[in-house]
């Protein structure tokens, strides 16, 4: 099941046995009917054909019963941007590292607070194991470890 905007708002900060959903700083204009738009934390120029690591302005914390997929927002997809990061495990905490690839014909500027990525939040059926990996509590863009 994909969480609606109403369910996302309801779950924000609501503590349950699986933990609380956190998106900080939260911006109402980023909330979409069935997703939340993540903002880029800094100005970037994306060279053509290169993967550039960026990170979300938001810190995200997913409880054990939620996971998320990341997709390029259509307005940036139309400019040729692809997002290589794609899945956020239940229990993840931190800023999200995003691999942005510019497939367009020329370098492309992305400005701080541009809403480039759409985070779709899913409910996980059954008992989920929480993420405890090497990217837990990430800050900034984190290279592969």
N, C-alpha and C. Protein backbone atom coordinates (compact mmCIF):
# COMPACT_ATOMS: atom_id res chain seq x y z
N UNK A 1 0.84 -1.18 0.00
CA UNK A 1 0.00 0.00 0.00
C UNK A 1 0.89 1.25 0.00
N UNK A 2 0.55 2.21 -0.83
CA UNK A 2 1.23 3.50 -0.87
C UNK A 2 0.48 4.45 0.06
N UNK A 3 1.22 5.20 0.87
CA UNK A 3 0.58 6.15 1.78
C UNK A 3 0.10 7.39 1.03
N UNK A 4 -1.11 7.81 1.32
CA UNK A 4 -1.67 9.04 0.76
C UNK A 4 -1.11 10.23 1.54
N UNK A 5 -1.35 11.43 1.03
CA UNK A 5 -0.91 12.63 1.74
C UNK A 5 -1.53 12.69 3.13
N UNK A 6 -2.79 12.30 3.26
CA UNK A 6 -3.45 12.30 4.57
C UNK A 6 -2.76 11.35 5.53
N UNK A 7 -2.40 10.16 5.03
CA UNK A 7 -1.75 9.17 5.89
C UNK A 7 -0.33 9.61 6.25
N UNK A 8 0.37 10.24 5.30
CA UNK A 8 1.71 10.75 5.59
C UNK A 8 1.63 11.78 6.72
N UNK A 9 0.70 12.74 6.59
CA UNK A 9 0.55 13.75 7.64
C UNK A 9 0.18 13.13 8.98
N UNK A 10 -0.71 12.16 8.94
CA UNK A 10 -1.13 11.48 10.17
C UNK A 10 0.04 10.78 10.85
N UNK A 11 0.89 10.14 10.04
CA UNK A 11 2.00 9.35 10.58
C UNK A 11 3.19 10.21 11.04
N UNK A 12 3.28 11.44 10.57
CA UNK A 12 4.41 12.30 10.97
C UNK A 12 4.42 12.50 12.48
N UNK A 13 5.47 12.06 13.09
CA UNK A 13 5.63 12.26 14.53
C UNK A 13 4.77 11.36 15.39
N UNK A 14 3.87 10.58 14.77
CA UNK A 14 3.02 9.67 15.53
C UNK A 14 3.84 8.45 15.92
N UNK A 15 4.00 8.27 17.18
CA UNK A 15 4.81 7.15 17.67
C UNK A 15 3.95 5.90 17.75
N UNK A 16 4.44 4.82 17.20
CA UNK A 16 3.75 3.55 17.28
C UNK A 16 4.77 2.51 17.73
N UNK A 17 4.36 1.27 17.78
CA UNK A 17 5.30 0.22 18.16
C UNK A 17 6.44 0.11 17.15
N UNK A 18 6.23 0.59 15.92
CA UNK A 18 7.25 0.53 14.88
C UNK A 18 8.08 1.79 14.79
N UNK A 19 7.81 2.81 15.63
CA UNK A 19 8.53 4.08 15.59
C UNK A 19 7.70 5.15 14.90
N UNK A 20 8.31 6.30 14.70
CA UNK A 20 7.61 7.44 14.10
C UNK A 20 8.18 7.75 12.72
N UNK A 21 7.33 8.24 11.83
CA UNK A 21 7.78 8.77 10.54
C UNK A 21 8.24 10.20 10.78
N UNK A 22 9.46 10.51 10.32
CA UNK A 22 10.02 11.85 10.47
C UNK A 22 10.47 12.34 9.10
N UNK A 23 10.08 13.55 8.75
CA UNK A 23 10.59 14.27 7.58
C UNK A 23 10.88 15.68 8.10
N UNK A 24 12.15 16.03 8.21
CA UNK A 24 12.53 17.29 8.85
C UNK A 24 13.63 18.00 8.06
N UNK A 25 13.48 19.26 7.65
CA UNK A 25 12.30 20.09 7.85
C UNK A 25 11.18 19.69 6.88
N UNK A 26 9.97 19.69 7.41
CA UNK A 26 8.79 19.37 6.62
C UNK A 26 8.29 20.65 5.97
N UNK A 27 7.87 20.57 4.71
CA UNK A 27 7.30 21.72 4.00
C UNK A 27 5.98 21.28 3.37
N UNK A 28 4.90 21.93 3.73
CA UNK A 28 3.57 21.56 3.24
C UNK A 28 3.50 21.54 1.71
N UNK A 29 4.23 22.46 1.05
CA UNK A 29 4.18 22.51 -0.42
C UNK A 29 4.84 21.30 -1.07
N UNK A 30 5.61 20.53 -0.32
CA UNK A 30 6.25 19.32 -0.85
C UNK A 30 5.35 18.09 -0.77
N UNK A 31 4.27 18.19 -0.02
CA UNK A 31 3.35 17.07 0.13
C UNK A 31 2.46 16.96 -1.10
N UNK A 32 2.50 15.82 -1.76
CA UNK A 32 1.72 15.55 -2.96
C UNK A 32 0.62 14.54 -2.62
N UNK A 33 -0.32 14.26 -3.52
CA UNK A 33 -1.43 13.36 -3.20
C UNK A 33 -1.01 11.98 -2.66
N UNK A 34 0.12 11.44 -3.17
CA UNK A 34 0.57 10.13 -2.70
C UNK A 34 2.10 10.06 -2.63
N UNK A 35 2.74 11.19 -2.28
CA UNK A 35 4.20 11.22 -2.17
C UNK A 35 4.63 12.50 -1.47
N UNK A 36 5.93 12.60 -1.25
CA UNK A 36 6.52 13.81 -0.68
C UNK A 36 7.73 14.17 -1.53
N UNK A 37 7.81 15.42 -1.97
CA UNK A 37 8.94 15.87 -2.79
C UNK A 37 10.12 16.22 -1.90
N UNK A 38 11.27 15.63 -2.19
CA UNK A 38 12.50 15.94 -1.46
C UNK A 38 13.23 17.07 -2.16
N UNK A 39 13.80 17.96 -1.35
CA UNK A 39 14.53 19.12 -1.88
C UNK A 39 16.03 18.86 -1.86
N UNK A 40 16.72 19.44 -2.81
CA UNK A 40 18.18 19.35 -2.88
C UNK A 40 18.77 20.34 -1.87
N UNK A 41 19.83 19.93 -1.19
CA UNK A 41 20.40 20.72 -0.10
C UNK A 41 21.33 21.84 -0.55
N UNK A 42 21.80 21.80 -1.81
CA UNK A 42 22.75 22.82 -2.25
C UNK A 42 22.66 23.04 -3.76
N UNK A 43 23.18 24.19 -4.20
CA UNK A 43 23.25 24.47 -5.64
C UNK A 43 24.24 23.52 -6.30
N UNK A 44 23.88 23.03 -7.48
CA UNK A 44 24.74 22.11 -8.23
C UNK A 44 24.66 22.42 -9.71
N UNK A 45 25.73 22.11 -10.43
CA UNK A 45 25.68 22.06 -11.88
C UNK A 45 25.92 20.61 -12.25
N UNK A 46 24.98 20.02 -12.96
CA UNK A 46 25.08 18.62 -13.35
C UNK A 46 25.68 18.54 -14.75
N UNK A 47 26.94 18.07 -14.85
CA UNK A 47 27.54 17.92 -16.17
C UNK A 47 26.78 16.86 -16.97
N UNK A 48 26.84 16.96 -18.25
CA UNK A 48 26.17 16.03 -19.14
C UNK A 48 26.79 14.63 -19.03
N UNK A 49 25.93 13.61 -18.83
CA UNK A 49 26.39 12.22 -18.85
C UNK A 49 27.15 11.75 -17.62
N UNK A 50 27.17 12.52 -16.55
CA UNK A 50 27.93 12.18 -15.34
C UNK A 50 26.96 12.00 -14.18
N UNK A 51 27.29 11.05 -13.30
CA UNK A 51 26.50 10.88 -12.07
C UNK A 51 27.10 11.78 -10.99
N UNK A 52 26.29 12.67 -10.48
CA UNK A 52 26.71 13.60 -9.43
C UNK A 52 25.96 13.25 -8.15
N UNK A 53 26.71 13.09 -7.05
CA UNK A 53 26.06 12.81 -5.77
C UNK A 53 25.57 14.10 -5.14
N UNK A 54 24.35 14.07 -4.68
CA UNK A 54 23.73 15.19 -3.98
C UNK A 54 23.04 14.60 -2.75
N UNK A 55 22.47 15.46 -1.93
CA UNK A 55 21.71 14.92 -0.80
C UNK A 55 20.47 15.76 -0.55
N UNK A 56 19.52 15.11 0.09
CA UNK A 56 18.26 15.77 0.40
C UNK A 56 18.46 16.77 1.52
N UNK A 57 17.70 17.84 1.47
CA UNK A 57 17.70 18.80 2.57
C UNK A 57 17.08 18.13 3.81
N UNK A 58 16.10 17.28 3.55
CA UNK A 58 15.36 16.65 4.63
C UNK A 58 16.12 15.49 5.26
N UNK A 59 15.97 15.38 6.55
CA UNK A 59 16.36 14.16 7.27
C UNK A 59 15.09 13.32 7.32
N UNK A 60 15.24 12.06 6.96
CA UNK A 60 14.10 11.14 6.91
C UNK A 60 14.35 10.02 7.92
N UNK A 61 13.33 9.68 8.66
CA UNK A 61 13.37 8.53 9.56
C UNK A 61 12.13 7.70 9.28
N UNK A 62 12.36 6.46 8.85
CA UNK A 62 11.25 5.55 8.56
C UNK A 62 11.10 4.55 9.69
N UNK A 63 9.89 4.38 10.21
CA UNK A 63 9.68 3.33 11.20
C UNK A 63 9.80 1.96 10.54
N UNK A 64 9.78 0.91 11.34
CA UNK A 64 9.99 -0.45 10.85
C UNK A 64 8.89 -0.95 9.91
N UNK A 65 7.74 -0.27 9.88
CA UNK A 65 6.65 -0.73 9.01
C UNK A 65 6.51 0.08 7.73
N UNK A 66 7.48 0.97 7.45
CA UNK A 66 7.44 1.78 6.23
C UNK A 66 8.76 1.67 5.46
N UNK A 67 8.66 1.71 4.14
CA UNK A 67 9.81 1.79 3.24
C UNK A 67 9.48 2.87 2.21
N UNK A 68 10.47 3.28 1.42
CA UNK A 68 10.20 4.32 0.42
C UNK A 68 10.96 4.04 -0.87
N UNK A 69 10.35 4.45 -1.98
CA UNK A 69 11.04 4.44 -3.26
C UNK A 69 11.24 5.89 -3.68
N UNK A 70 12.34 6.13 -4.39
CA UNK A 70 12.69 7.47 -4.84
C UNK A 70 12.64 7.49 -6.36
N UNK A 71 11.99 8.53 -6.89
CA UNK A 71 11.86 8.69 -8.33
C UNK A 71 12.12 10.13 -8.71
N UNK A 72 12.57 10.34 -9.91
CA UNK A 72 12.73 11.70 -10.42
C UNK A 72 11.35 12.32 -10.60
N UNK A 73 11.18 13.56 -10.16
CA UNK A 73 9.93 14.27 -10.44
C UNK A 73 9.85 14.49 -11.95
N UNK A 74 8.67 14.42 -12.49
CA UNK A 74 8.51 14.48 -13.94
C UNK A 74 9.07 15.76 -14.56
N UNK A 75 8.96 16.89 -13.85
CA UNK A 75 9.48 18.15 -14.41
C UNK A 75 10.99 18.08 -14.62
N UNK A 76 11.71 17.37 -13.77
CA UNK A 76 13.16 17.22 -13.96
C UNK A 76 13.46 16.06 -14.91
N UNK A 77 12.64 15.04 -14.91
CA UNK A 77 12.80 13.96 -15.87
C UNK A 77 12.70 14.46 -17.30
N UNK A 78 11.83 15.44 -17.52
CA UNK A 78 11.67 16.02 -18.85
C UNK A 78 12.90 16.80 -19.29
N UNK A 79 13.72 17.20 -18.32
CA UNK A 79 14.97 17.89 -18.63
C UNK A 79 16.11 16.90 -18.83
N UNK A 80 15.86 15.62 -18.57
CA UNK A 80 16.88 14.59 -18.78
C UNK A 80 17.56 14.11 -17.51
N UNK A 81 17.04 14.45 -16.34
CA UNK A 81 17.67 14.00 -15.09
C UNK A 81 17.10 12.65 -14.67
N UNK A 82 18.00 11.75 -14.32
CA UNK A 82 17.63 10.45 -13.77
C UNK A 82 18.16 10.38 -12.34
N UNK A 83 17.42 9.75 -11.45
CA UNK A 83 17.88 9.53 -10.08
C UNK A 83 18.27 8.06 -9.95
N UNK A 84 19.51 7.81 -9.50
CA UNK A 84 19.98 6.43 -9.40
C UNK A 84 19.65 5.79 -8.07
N UNK A 85 19.51 6.58 -7.00
CA UNK A 85 19.11 6.01 -5.71
C UNK A 85 17.64 5.66 -5.83
N UNK A 86 17.23 4.51 -5.31
CA UNK A 86 15.86 4.15 -5.57
C UNK A 86 15.07 3.56 -4.43
N UNK A 87 15.70 3.11 -3.35
CA UNK A 87 14.94 2.44 -2.30
C UNK A 87 15.48 2.82 -0.93
N UNK A 88 14.57 3.04 0.01
CA UNK A 88 14.94 3.37 1.39
C UNK A 88 14.32 2.30 2.28
N UNK A 89 15.16 1.56 2.98
CA UNK A 89 14.71 0.45 3.82
C UNK A 89 13.97 0.91 5.06
N UNK A 90 13.09 0.04 5.58
CA UNK A 90 12.44 0.32 6.87
C UNK A 90 13.50 0.55 7.94
N UNK A 91 13.28 1.54 8.79
CA UNK A 91 14.21 1.82 9.87
C UNK A 91 15.35 2.76 9.52
N UNK A 92 15.46 3.18 8.25
CA UNK A 92 16.54 4.09 7.86
C UNK A 92 16.34 5.44 8.54
N UNK A 93 17.48 6.07 8.93
CA UNK A 93 17.49 7.43 9.47
C UNK A 93 18.62 8.19 8.80
N UNK A 94 18.34 9.42 8.38
CA UNK A 94 19.40 10.29 7.85
C UNK A 94 18.96 11.07 6.64
N UNK A 95 19.91 11.89 6.13
CA UNK A 95 19.67 12.55 4.85
C UNK A 95 19.88 11.50 3.77
N UNK A 96 19.19 11.66 2.65
CA UNK A 96 19.28 10.68 1.57
C UNK A 96 20.29 11.14 0.53
N UNK A 97 21.22 10.26 0.19
CA UNK A 97 22.17 10.53 -0.89
C UNK A 97 21.50 10.18 -2.20
N UNK A 98 21.58 11.09 -3.15
CA UNK A 98 20.92 10.95 -4.44
C UNK A 98 21.96 10.99 -5.55
N UNK A 99 21.97 9.99 -6.39
CA UNK A 99 22.80 10.03 -7.58
C UNK A 99 22.00 10.64 -8.71
N UNK A 100 22.41 11.82 -9.17
CA UNK A 100 21.68 12.52 -10.23
C UNK A 100 22.50 12.44 -11.52
N UNK A 101 21.90 11.91 -12.57
CA UNK A 101 22.56 11.77 -13.87
C UNK A 101 21.85 12.69 -14.85
N UNK A 102 22.61 13.56 -15.49
CA UNK A 102 22.06 14.47 -16.50
C UNK A 102 22.23 13.82 -17.87
N UNK A 103 21.13 13.37 -18.43
CA UNK A 103 21.15 12.75 -19.76
C UNK A 103 20.76 13.75 -20.84
N UNK A 104 20.62 15.01 -20.46
CA UNK A 104 20.26 16.05 -21.41
C UNK A 104 21.44 16.47 -22.27
N UNK A 105 21.21 17.38 -23.22
CA UNK A 105 22.24 17.78 -24.18
C UNK A 105 23.30 18.75 -23.63
N UNK A 106 23.05 19.37 -22.48
CA UNK A 106 24.00 20.35 -21.94
C UNK A 106 23.97 20.34 -20.42
N UNK A 107 24.99 20.94 -19.77
CA UNK A 107 24.99 21.00 -18.30
C UNK A 107 23.70 21.64 -17.80
N UNK A 108 23.29 21.22 -16.62
CA UNK A 108 22.02 21.68 -16.07
C UNK A 108 22.21 22.14 -14.63
N UNK A 109 21.70 23.33 -14.33
CA UNK A 109 21.77 23.85 -12.96
C UNK A 109 20.60 23.33 -12.15
N UNK A 110 20.91 22.93 -10.91
CA UNK A 110 19.89 22.56 -9.94
C UNK A 110 20.15 23.45 -8.73
N UNK A 111 19.13 24.11 -8.29
CA UNK A 111 19.25 25.08 -7.19
C UNK A 111 18.85 24.47 -5.85
N UNK A 112 19.48 24.97 -4.81
CA UNK A 112 19.11 24.57 -3.45
C UNK A 112 17.60 24.72 -3.30
N UNK A 113 16.99 23.74 -2.70
CA UNK A 113 15.55 23.67 -2.44
C UNK A 113 14.71 23.30 -3.67
N UNK A 114 15.34 23.05 -4.83
CA UNK A 114 14.58 22.50 -5.95
C UNK A 114 14.04 21.13 -5.54
N UNK A 115 12.79 20.88 -5.87
CA UNK A 115 12.15 19.60 -5.56
C UNK A 115 12.39 18.65 -6.73
N UNK A 116 13.49 17.92 -6.66
CA UNK A 116 13.93 17.08 -7.76
C UNK A 116 13.41 15.65 -7.64
N UNK A 117 13.28 15.17 -6.42
CA UNK A 117 12.99 13.76 -6.17
C UNK A 117 11.65 13.60 -5.45
N UNK A 118 10.92 12.59 -5.86
CA UNK A 118 9.64 12.24 -5.26
C UNK A 118 9.86 11.00 -4.39
N UNK A 119 9.48 11.09 -3.11
CA UNK A 119 9.59 9.94 -2.20
C UNK A 119 8.19 9.34 -2.02
N UNK A 120 8.05 8.11 -2.45
CA UNK A 120 6.79 7.39 -2.34
C UNK A 120 6.94 6.45 -1.15
N UNK A 121 6.05 6.58 -0.17
CA UNK A 121 6.17 5.81 1.07
C UNK A 121 5.19 4.64 1.03
N UNK A 122 5.72 3.45 1.33
CA UNK A 122 4.95 2.21 1.27
C UNK A 122 4.84 1.58 2.65
N UNK A 123 3.72 0.99 2.93
CA UNK A 123 3.60 0.20 4.16
C UNK A 123 4.14 -1.19 3.88
N UNK A 124 4.93 -1.71 4.81
CA UNK A 124 5.53 -3.03 4.69
C UNK A 124 4.64 -4.04 5.43
N UNK A 125 4.19 -5.07 4.72
CA UNK A 125 3.32 -6.08 5.32
C UNK A 125 4.15 -7.04 6.17
N UNK A 126 3.59 -7.46 7.27
CA UNK A 126 4.28 -8.42 8.14
C UNK A 126 5.33 -7.74 9.00
N UNK A 127 6.12 -8.53 9.65
CA UNK A 127 7.17 -8.01 10.53
C UNK A 127 8.41 -7.70 9.71
N UNK A 128 8.82 -6.45 9.74
CA UNK A 128 10.01 -6.05 8.98
C UNK A 128 11.20 -5.92 9.91
N UNK A 129 12.35 -6.23 9.38
CA UNK A 129 13.60 -6.03 10.10
C UNK A 129 14.06 -4.62 9.77
N UNK A 130 14.48 -3.84 10.76
CA UNK A 130 14.92 -2.46 10.54
C UNK A 130 16.33 -2.40 9.98
N UNK A 131 16.55 -1.41 9.14
CA UNK A 131 17.86 -1.17 8.55
C UNK A 131 18.88 -0.86 9.64
N UNK A 132 20.03 -1.50 9.56
CA UNK A 132 21.13 -1.26 10.50
C UNK A 132 22.45 -1.16 9.74
N UNK A 133 22.38 -0.72 8.50
CA UNK A 133 23.56 -0.72 7.63
C UNK A 133 24.51 0.44 7.83
N UNK A 134 25.51 0.49 6.96
CA UNK A 134 26.61 1.45 7.08
C UNK A 134 26.23 2.88 6.72
N UNK A 135 25.03 3.11 6.19
CA UNK A 135 24.60 4.46 5.84
C UNK A 135 23.62 5.05 6.85
N UNK A 136 23.41 4.34 7.97
CA UNK A 136 22.49 4.82 9.00
C UNK A 136 22.98 6.16 9.55
N UNK A 137 22.07 7.09 9.76
CA UNK A 137 22.36 8.43 10.29
C UNK A 137 23.27 9.24 9.37
N UNK A 138 23.15 9.03 8.06
CA UNK A 138 23.96 9.76 7.07
C UNK A 138 23.67 11.26 7.12
N UNK A 139 24.72 12.02 6.90
CA UNK A 139 24.63 13.48 6.78
C UNK A 139 25.39 13.86 5.52
N UNK A 140 24.75 14.64 4.66
CA UNK A 140 25.40 15.03 3.41
C UNK A 140 25.40 13.89 2.40
N UNK A 141 26.03 14.13 1.25
CA UNK A 141 26.13 13.11 0.21
C UNK A 141 27.23 12.13 0.61
N UNK A 142 26.89 10.86 0.71
CA UNK A 142 27.84 9.84 1.18
C UNK A 142 28.22 8.95 0.01
N UNK A 143 29.51 8.86 -0.24
CA UNK A 143 30.01 7.97 -1.31
C UNK A 143 29.84 6.53 -0.90
N UNK A 144 29.96 5.61 -1.86
CA UNK A 144 29.85 4.17 -1.58
C UNK A 144 30.92 3.78 -0.57
N UNK A 145 30.51 2.98 0.39
CA UNK A 145 31.45 2.51 1.42
C UNK A 145 31.75 1.05 1.23
